[in-house]
PDB file of N, CA and C in Angstrom:
ATOM      1  N   SER A   1      71.725 123.973  84.268  1.00  0.00           N
ATOM      2  CA  SER A   1      70.760 123.011  84.293  1.00  0.00           C
ATOM      3  C   SER A   1      71.258 121.594  84.547  1.00  0.00           C
ATOM      4  N   LEU A   2      70.553 120.638  85.097  1.00  0.00           N
ATOM      5  CA  LEU A   2      71.023 119.277  85.190  1.00  0.00           C
ATOM      6  C   LEU A   2      71.270 118.508  83.982  1.00  0.00           C
ATOM      7  N   LEU A   3      70.576 118.957  82.775  1.00  0.00           N
ATOM      8  CA  LEU A   3      70.892 118.367  81.528  1.00  0.00           C
ATOM      9  C   LEU A   3      72.306 118.713  81.012  1.00  0.00           C
ATOM     10  N   THR A   4      72.709 119.877  81.252  1.00  0.00           N
ATOM     11  CA  THR A   4      74.124 120.334  80.742  1.00  0.00           C
ATOM     12  C   THR A   4      75.117 120.134  81.740  1.00  0.00           C
ATOM     13  N   GLN A   5      74.844 120.066  83.017  1.00  0.00           N
ATOM     14  CA  GLN A   5      75.988 119.926  84.027  1.00  0.00           C
ATOM     15  C   GLN A   5      76.220 118.496  84.504  1.00  0.00           C
ATOM     16  N   GLY A   6      75.117 117.819  84.388  1.00  0.00           N
ATOM     17  CA  GLY A   6      75.099 116.339  84.934  1.00  0.00           C
ATOM     18  C   GLY A   6      74.690 116.372  86.346  1.00  0.00           C
ATOM     19  N   LEU A   7      74.460 115.171  86.831  1.00  0.00           N
ATOM     20  CA  LEU A   7      74.277 114.860  88.342  1.00  0.00           C
ATOM     21  C   LEU A   7      75.501 114.636  89.138  1.00  0.00           C
ATOM     22  N   ALA A   8      75.765 115.193  90.334  1.00  0.00           N
ATOM     23  CA  ALA A   8      76.929 115.008  91.000  1.00  0.00           C
ATOM     24  C   ALA A   8      77.042 113.489  91.440  1.00  0.00           C
ATOM     25  N   GLY A   9      78.334 113.028  91.309  1.00  0.00           N
ATOM     26  CA  GLY A   9      78.770 111.559  91.616  1.00  0.00           C
ATOM     27  C   GLY A   9      78.438 110.478  90.577  1.00  0.00           C
ATOM     28  N   ILE A  10      77.851 110.767  89.371  1.00  0.00           N
ATOM     29  CA  ILE A  10      77.412 109.810  88.460  1.00  0.00           C
ATOM     30  C   ILE A  10      78.527 109.900  87.286  1.00  0.00           C
ATOM     31  N   GLN A  11      79.326 110.817  87.254  1.00  0.00           N
ATOM     32  CA  GLN A  11      80.262 110.852  86.180  1.00  0.00           C
ATOM     33  C   GLN A  11      81.511 111.533  86.634  1.00  0.00           C
ATOM     34  N   ALA A  12      82.624 111.385  85.822  1.00  0.00           N
ATOM     35  CA  ALA A  12      83.967 111.814  86.333  1.00  0.00           C
ATOM     36  C   ALA A  12      83.859 113.374  86.170  1.00  0.00           C
ATOM     37  N   VAL A  13      84.683 114.010  86.970  1.00  0.00           N
ATOM     38  CA  VAL A  13      84.928 115.424  86.898  1.00  0.00           C
ATOM     39  C   VAL A  13      86.181 115.784  86.416  1.00  0.00           C
ATOM     40  N   ASP A  14      86.316 116.917  85.680  1.00  0.00           N
ATOM     41  CA  ASP A  14      87.605 117.319  85.285  1.00  0.00           C
ATOM     42  C   ASP A  14      87.908 118.576  86.050  1.00  0.00           C
ATOM     43  N   VAL A  15      88.616 118.270  87.055  1.00  0.00           N
ATOM     44  CA  VAL A  15      89.028 119.394  88.002  1.00  0.00           C
ATOM     45  C   VAL A  15      90.425 119.142  88.469  1.00  0.00           C
ATOM     46  N   PRO A  16      91.189 120.188  88.248  1.00  0.00           N
ATOM     47  CA  PRO A  16      92.640 119.832  88.650  1.00  0.00           C
ATOM     48  C   PRO A  16      92.884 119.633  90.154  1.00  0.00           C
ATOM     49  N   GLY A  17      93.592 118.487  90.585  1.00  0.00           N
ATOM     50  CA  GLY A  17      93.759 118.105  91.969  1.00  0.00           C
ATOM     51  C   GLY A  17      92.710 117.098  92.434  1.00  0.00           C
ATOM     52  N   VAL A  18      91.748 116.797  91.480  1.00  0.00           N
ATOM     53  CA  VAL A  18      90.712 115.917  91.958  1.00  0.00           C
ATOM     54  C   VAL A  18      90.872 114.478  91.220  1.00  0.00           C
ATOM     55  N   GLU A  19      90.962 113.462  92.027  1.00  0.00           N
ATOM     56  CA  GLU A  19      91.141 112.138  91.309  1.00  0.00           C
ATOM     57  C   GLU A  19      89.770 111.569  91.268  1.00  0.00           C
ATOM     58  N   ASN A  20      89.394 111.031  90.250  1.00  0.00           N
ATOM     59  CA  ASN A  20      88.123 110.369  90.107  1.00  0.00           C
ATOM     60  C   ASN A  20      88.459 108.843  90.428  1.00  0.00           C
ATOM     61  N   VAL A  21      87.276 108.337  91.176  1.00  0.00           N
ATOM     62  CA  VAL A  21      87.518 106.869  91.626  1.00  0.00           C
ATOM     63  C   VAL A  21      86.195 106.238  91.436  1.00  0.00           C
ATOM     64  N   ASP A  22      86.121 105.086  90.694  1.00  0.00           N
ATOM     65  CA  ASP A  22      84.884 104.467  90.381  1.00  0.00           C
ATOM     66  C   ASP A  22      84.619 103.463  91.434  1.00  0.00           C
ATOM     67  N   VAL A  23      83.638 103.616  92.325  1.00  0.00           N
ATOM     68  CA  VAL A  23      83.491 102.657  93.404  1.00  0.00           C
ATOM     69  C   VAL A  23      82.101 101.887  93.169  1.00  0.00           C
ATOM     70  N   THR A  24      81.668 101.752  91.875  1.00  0.00           N
ATOM     71  CA  THR A  24      80.518 101.045  91.541  1.00  0.00           C
ATOM     72  C   THR A  24      80.443  99.613  92.098  1.00  0.00           C
ATOM     73  N   GLU A  25      81.579  98.983  92.213  1.00  0.00           N
ATOM     74  CA  GLU A  25      81.478  97.589  92.761  1.00  0.00           C
ATOM     75  C   GLU A  25      81.382  97.588  94.163  1.00  0.00           C
ATOM     76  N   LEU A  26      81.444  98.695  94.872  1.00  0.00           N
ATOM     77  CA  LEU A  26      81.425  98.752  96.353  1.00  0.00           C
ATOM     78  C   LEU A  26      79.919  99.270  96.748  1.00  0.00           C
ATOM     79  N   VAL A  27      79.272  99.865  96.064  1.00  0.00           N
ATOM     80  CA  VAL A  27      77.875 100.442  96.307  1.00  0.00           C
ATOM     81  C   VAL A  27      76.730  99.843  95.402  1.00  0.00           C
ATOM     82  N   ASP A  28      75.547  99.723  96.112  1.00  0.00           N
ATOM     83  CA  ASP A  28      74.570  99.332  95.302  1.00  0.00           C
ATOM     84  C   ASP A  28      73.637 100.240  94.688  1.00  0.00           C
ATOM     85  N   GLY A  29      73.753 101.379  95.112  1.00  0.00           N
ATOM     86  CA  GLY A  29      73.100 102.740  94.802  1.00  0.00           C
ATOM     87  C   GLY A  29      73.309 103.877  95.488  1.00  0.00           C
ATOM     88  N   HIS A  30      72.618 104.981  95.278  1.00  0.00           N
ATOM     89  CA  HIS A  30      72.785 106.177  95.998  1.00  0.00           C
ATOM     90  C   HIS A  30      72.675 106.067  97.503  1.00  0.00           C
ATOM     91  N   SER A  31      71.667 105.302  97.967  1.00  0.00           N
ATOM     92  CA  SER A  31      71.362 105.152  99.485  1.00  0.00           C
ATOM     93  C   SER A  31      72.333 104.226  99.985  1.00  0.00           C
ATOM     94  N   SER A  32      73.256 103.638  99.442  1.00  0.00           N
ATOM     95  CA  SER A  32      74.153 102.627 100.071  1.00  0.00           C
ATOM     96  C   SER A  32      75.585 103.366 100.303  1.00  0.00           C
ATOM     97  N   TYR A  33      75.745 104.564  99.795  1.00  0.00           N
ATOM     98  CA  TYR A  33      77.049 105.177 100.217  1.00  0.00           C
ATOM     99  C   TYR A  33      77.467 105.235 101.664  1.00  0.00           C
ATOM    100  N   LEU A  34      76.423 105.605 102.449  1.00  0.00           N
ATOM    101  CA  LEU A  34      76.637 105.834 103.950  1.00  0.00           C
ATOM    102  C   LEU A  34      76.936 104.527 104.627  1.00  0.00           C
ATOM    103  N   SER A  35      76.335 103.330 104.250  1.00  0.00           N
ATOM    104  CA  SER A  35      76.790 102.077 104.818  1.00  0.00           C
ATOM    105  C   SER A  35      78.129 101.749 104.246  1.00  0.00           C
ATOM    106  N   ALA A  36      78.512 102.113 103.109  1.00  0.00           N
ATOM    107  CA  ALA A  36      79.663 101.509 102.431  1.00  0.00           C
ATOM    108  C   ALA A  36      80.937 102.579 102.650  1.00  0.00           C
ATOM    109  N   ALA A  37      80.768 103.591 103.432  1.00  0.00           N
ATOM    110  CA  ALA A  37      81.672 104.510 103.545  1.00  0.00           C
ATOM    111  C   ALA A  37      83.018 103.854 104.027  1.00  0.00           C
ATOM    112  N   GLN A  38      83.031 103.151 105.164  1.00  0.00           N
ATOM    113  CA  GLN A  38      84.361 102.534 105.574  1.00  0.00           C
ATOM    114  C   GLN A  38      84.962 101.592 104.573  1.00  0.00           C
ATOM    115  N   LEU A  39      84.173 100.916 103.913  1.00  0.00           N
ATOM    116  CA  LEU A  39      84.781 100.012 102.822  1.00  0.00           C
ATOM    117  C   LEU A  39      85.416 100.938 101.697  1.00  0.00           C
ATOM    118  N   ILE A  40      84.576 102.064 101.334  1.00  0.00           N
ATOM    119  CA  ILE A  40      85.212 102.867 100.251  1.00  0.00           C
ATOM    120  C   ILE A  40      86.603 103.490 100.636  1.00  0.00           C
ATOM    121  N   LEU A  41      86.649 104.062 102.029  1.00  0.00           N
ATOM    122  CA  LEU A  41      87.883 104.510 102.542  1.00  0.00           C
ATOM    123  C   LEU A  41      88.987 103.591 102.576  1.00  0.00           C
ATOM    124  N   GLU A  42      88.738 102.252 102.919  1.00  0.00           N
ATOM    125  CA  GLU A  42      89.661 101.138 103.007  1.00  0.00           C
ATOM    126  C   GLU A  42      90.136 100.863 101.517  1.00  0.00           C
ATOM    127  N   HIS A  43      89.263 100.989 100.457  1.00  0.00           N
ATOM    128  CA  HIS A  43      89.424 100.679  99.220  1.00  0.00           C
ATOM    129  C   HIS A  43      90.535 101.805  98.742  1.00  0.00           C
ATOM    130  N   LEU A  44      90.307 102.926  99.261  1.00  0.00           N
ATOM    131  CA  LEU A  44      91.095 104.113  98.668  1.00  0.00           C
ATOM    132  C   LEU A  44      92.330 104.298  99.641  1.00  0.00           C
ATOM    133  N   GLU A  45      92.583 103.247 100.473  1.00  0.00           N
ATOM    134  CA  GLU A  45      93.711 103.121 101.501  1.00  0.00           C
ATOM    135  C   GLU A  45      93.893 104.310 102.275  1.00  0.00           C
ATOM    136  N   LEU A  46      92.694 104.859 102.662  1.00  0.00           N
ATOM    137  CA  LEU A  46      92.582 105.862 103.739  1.00  0.00           C
ATOM    138  C   LEU A  46      92.350 105.348 105.076  1.00  0.00           C
ATOM    139  N   ASN A  47      93.090 105.556 105.915  1.00  0.00           N
ATOM    140  CA  ASN A  47      92.808 104.955 107.489  1.00  0.00           C
ATOM    141  C   ASN A  47      92.000 105.684 108.322  1.00  0.00           C
ATOM    142  N   THR A  48      91.396 106.762 107.869  1.00  0.00           N
ATOM    143  CA  THR A  48      90.596 107.590 108.812  1.00  0.00           C
ATOM    144  C   THR A  48      89.147 107.333 108.449  1.00  0.00           C
ATOM    145  N   TYR A  49      88.330 107.147 109.582  1.00  0.00           N
ATOM    146  CA  TYR A  49      86.971 106.820 109.299  1.00  0.00           C
ATOM    147  C   TYR A  49      86.213 107.336 110.580  1.00  0.00           C
ATOM    148  N   TYR A  50      85.321 108.120 110.249  1.00  0.00           N
ATOM    149  CA  TYR A  50      84.566 108.683 111.293  1.00  0.00           C
ATOM    150  C   TYR A  50      83.013 108.130 111.352  1.00  0.00           C
ATOM    151  N   PRO A  51      82.768 107.317 112.082  1.00  0.00           N
ATOM    152  CA  PRO A  51      81.457 106.636 112.195  1.00  0.00           C
ATOM    153  C   PRO A  51      80.306 107.686 112.238  1.00  0.00           C
ATOM    154  N   VAL A  52      79.214 107.404 111.460  1.00  0.00           N
ATOM    155  CA  VAL A  52      78.278 108.225 111.314  1.00  0.00           C
ATOM    156  C   VAL A  52      77.225 107.977 112.542  1.00  0.00           C
ATOM    157  N   PHE A  53      76.507 109.102 113.052  1.00  0.00           N
ATOM    158  CA  PHE A  53      75.480 108.701 114.046  1.00  0.00           C
ATOM    159  C   PHE A  53      75.989 108.318 115.491  1.00  0.00           C
ATOM    160  N   VAL A  54      77.326 108.453 115.587  1.00  0.00           N
ATOM    161  CA  VAL A  54      77.959 108.045 116.907  1.00  0.00           C
ATOM    162  C   VAL A  54      77.995 109.267 117.621  1.00  0.00           C
ATOM    163  N   PRO A  55      77.271 109.527 118.899  1.00  0.00           N
ATOM    164  CA  PRO A  55      77.414 110.791 119.523  1.00  0.00           C
ATOM    165  C   PRO A  55      78.740 111.031 120.040  1.00  0.00           C
ATOM    166  N   LEU A  56      79.113 112.337 119.906  1.00  0.00           N
ATOM    167  CA  LEU A  56      80.637 112.715 120.476  1.00  0.00           C
ATOM    168  C   LEU A  56      80.445 112.861 121.988  1.00  0.00           C
ATOM    169  N   PRO A  57      81.541 112.622 122.667  1.00  0.00           N
ATOM    170  CA  PRO A  57      81.519 112.768 124.063  1.00  0.00           C
ATOM    171  C   PRO A  57      81.144 114.424 124.402  1.00  0.00           C
ATOM    172  N   THR A  58      80.326 114.653 125.228  1.00  0.00           N
ATOM    173  CA  THR A  58      80.064 115.898 125.785  1.00  0.00           C
ATOM    174  C   THR A  58      80.773 116.345 126.986  1.00  0.00           C
ATOM    175  N   ALA A  59      81.183 117.552 127.034  1.00  0.00           N
ATOM    176  CA  ALA A  59      81.790 118.183 128.313  1.00  0.00           C
ATOM    177  C   ALA A  59      80.900 118.061 129.480  1.00  0.00           C
ATOM    178  N   VAL A  60      81.240 117.812 130.624  1.00  0.00           N
ATOM    179  CA  VAL A  60      80.357 117.723 131.764  1.00  0.00           C
ATOM    180  C   VAL A  60      80.493 119.136 132.442  1.00  0.00           C
ATOM    181  N   SER A  61      79.452 119.940 132.689  1.00  0.00           N
ATOM    182  CA  SER A  61      79.482 121.060 133.349  1.00  0.00           C
ATOM    183  C   SER A  61      79.454 120.884 134.776  1.00  0.00           C
ATOM    184  N   LYS A  62      80.169 121.762 135.534  1.00  0.00           N
ATOM    185  CA  LYS A  62      80.230 121.545 136.996  1.00  0.00           C
ATOM    186  C   LYS A  62      79.496 122.783 137.617  1.00  0.00           C
TER     187      LYS A  62
END
């Protein structure tokens, strides 16, 4: 149940191989994670960013 397990993303997890990162200062709330994704990745020093809602090029059929 949610009362015993907690809600995803609002507390640290104790899982081997998973590093917990507090990005509270980068987001205003649940709905701002999408718009803050690039800033969060930069904060984590990850240089890969895949924009959301940008259509991928499609193959042209002949």
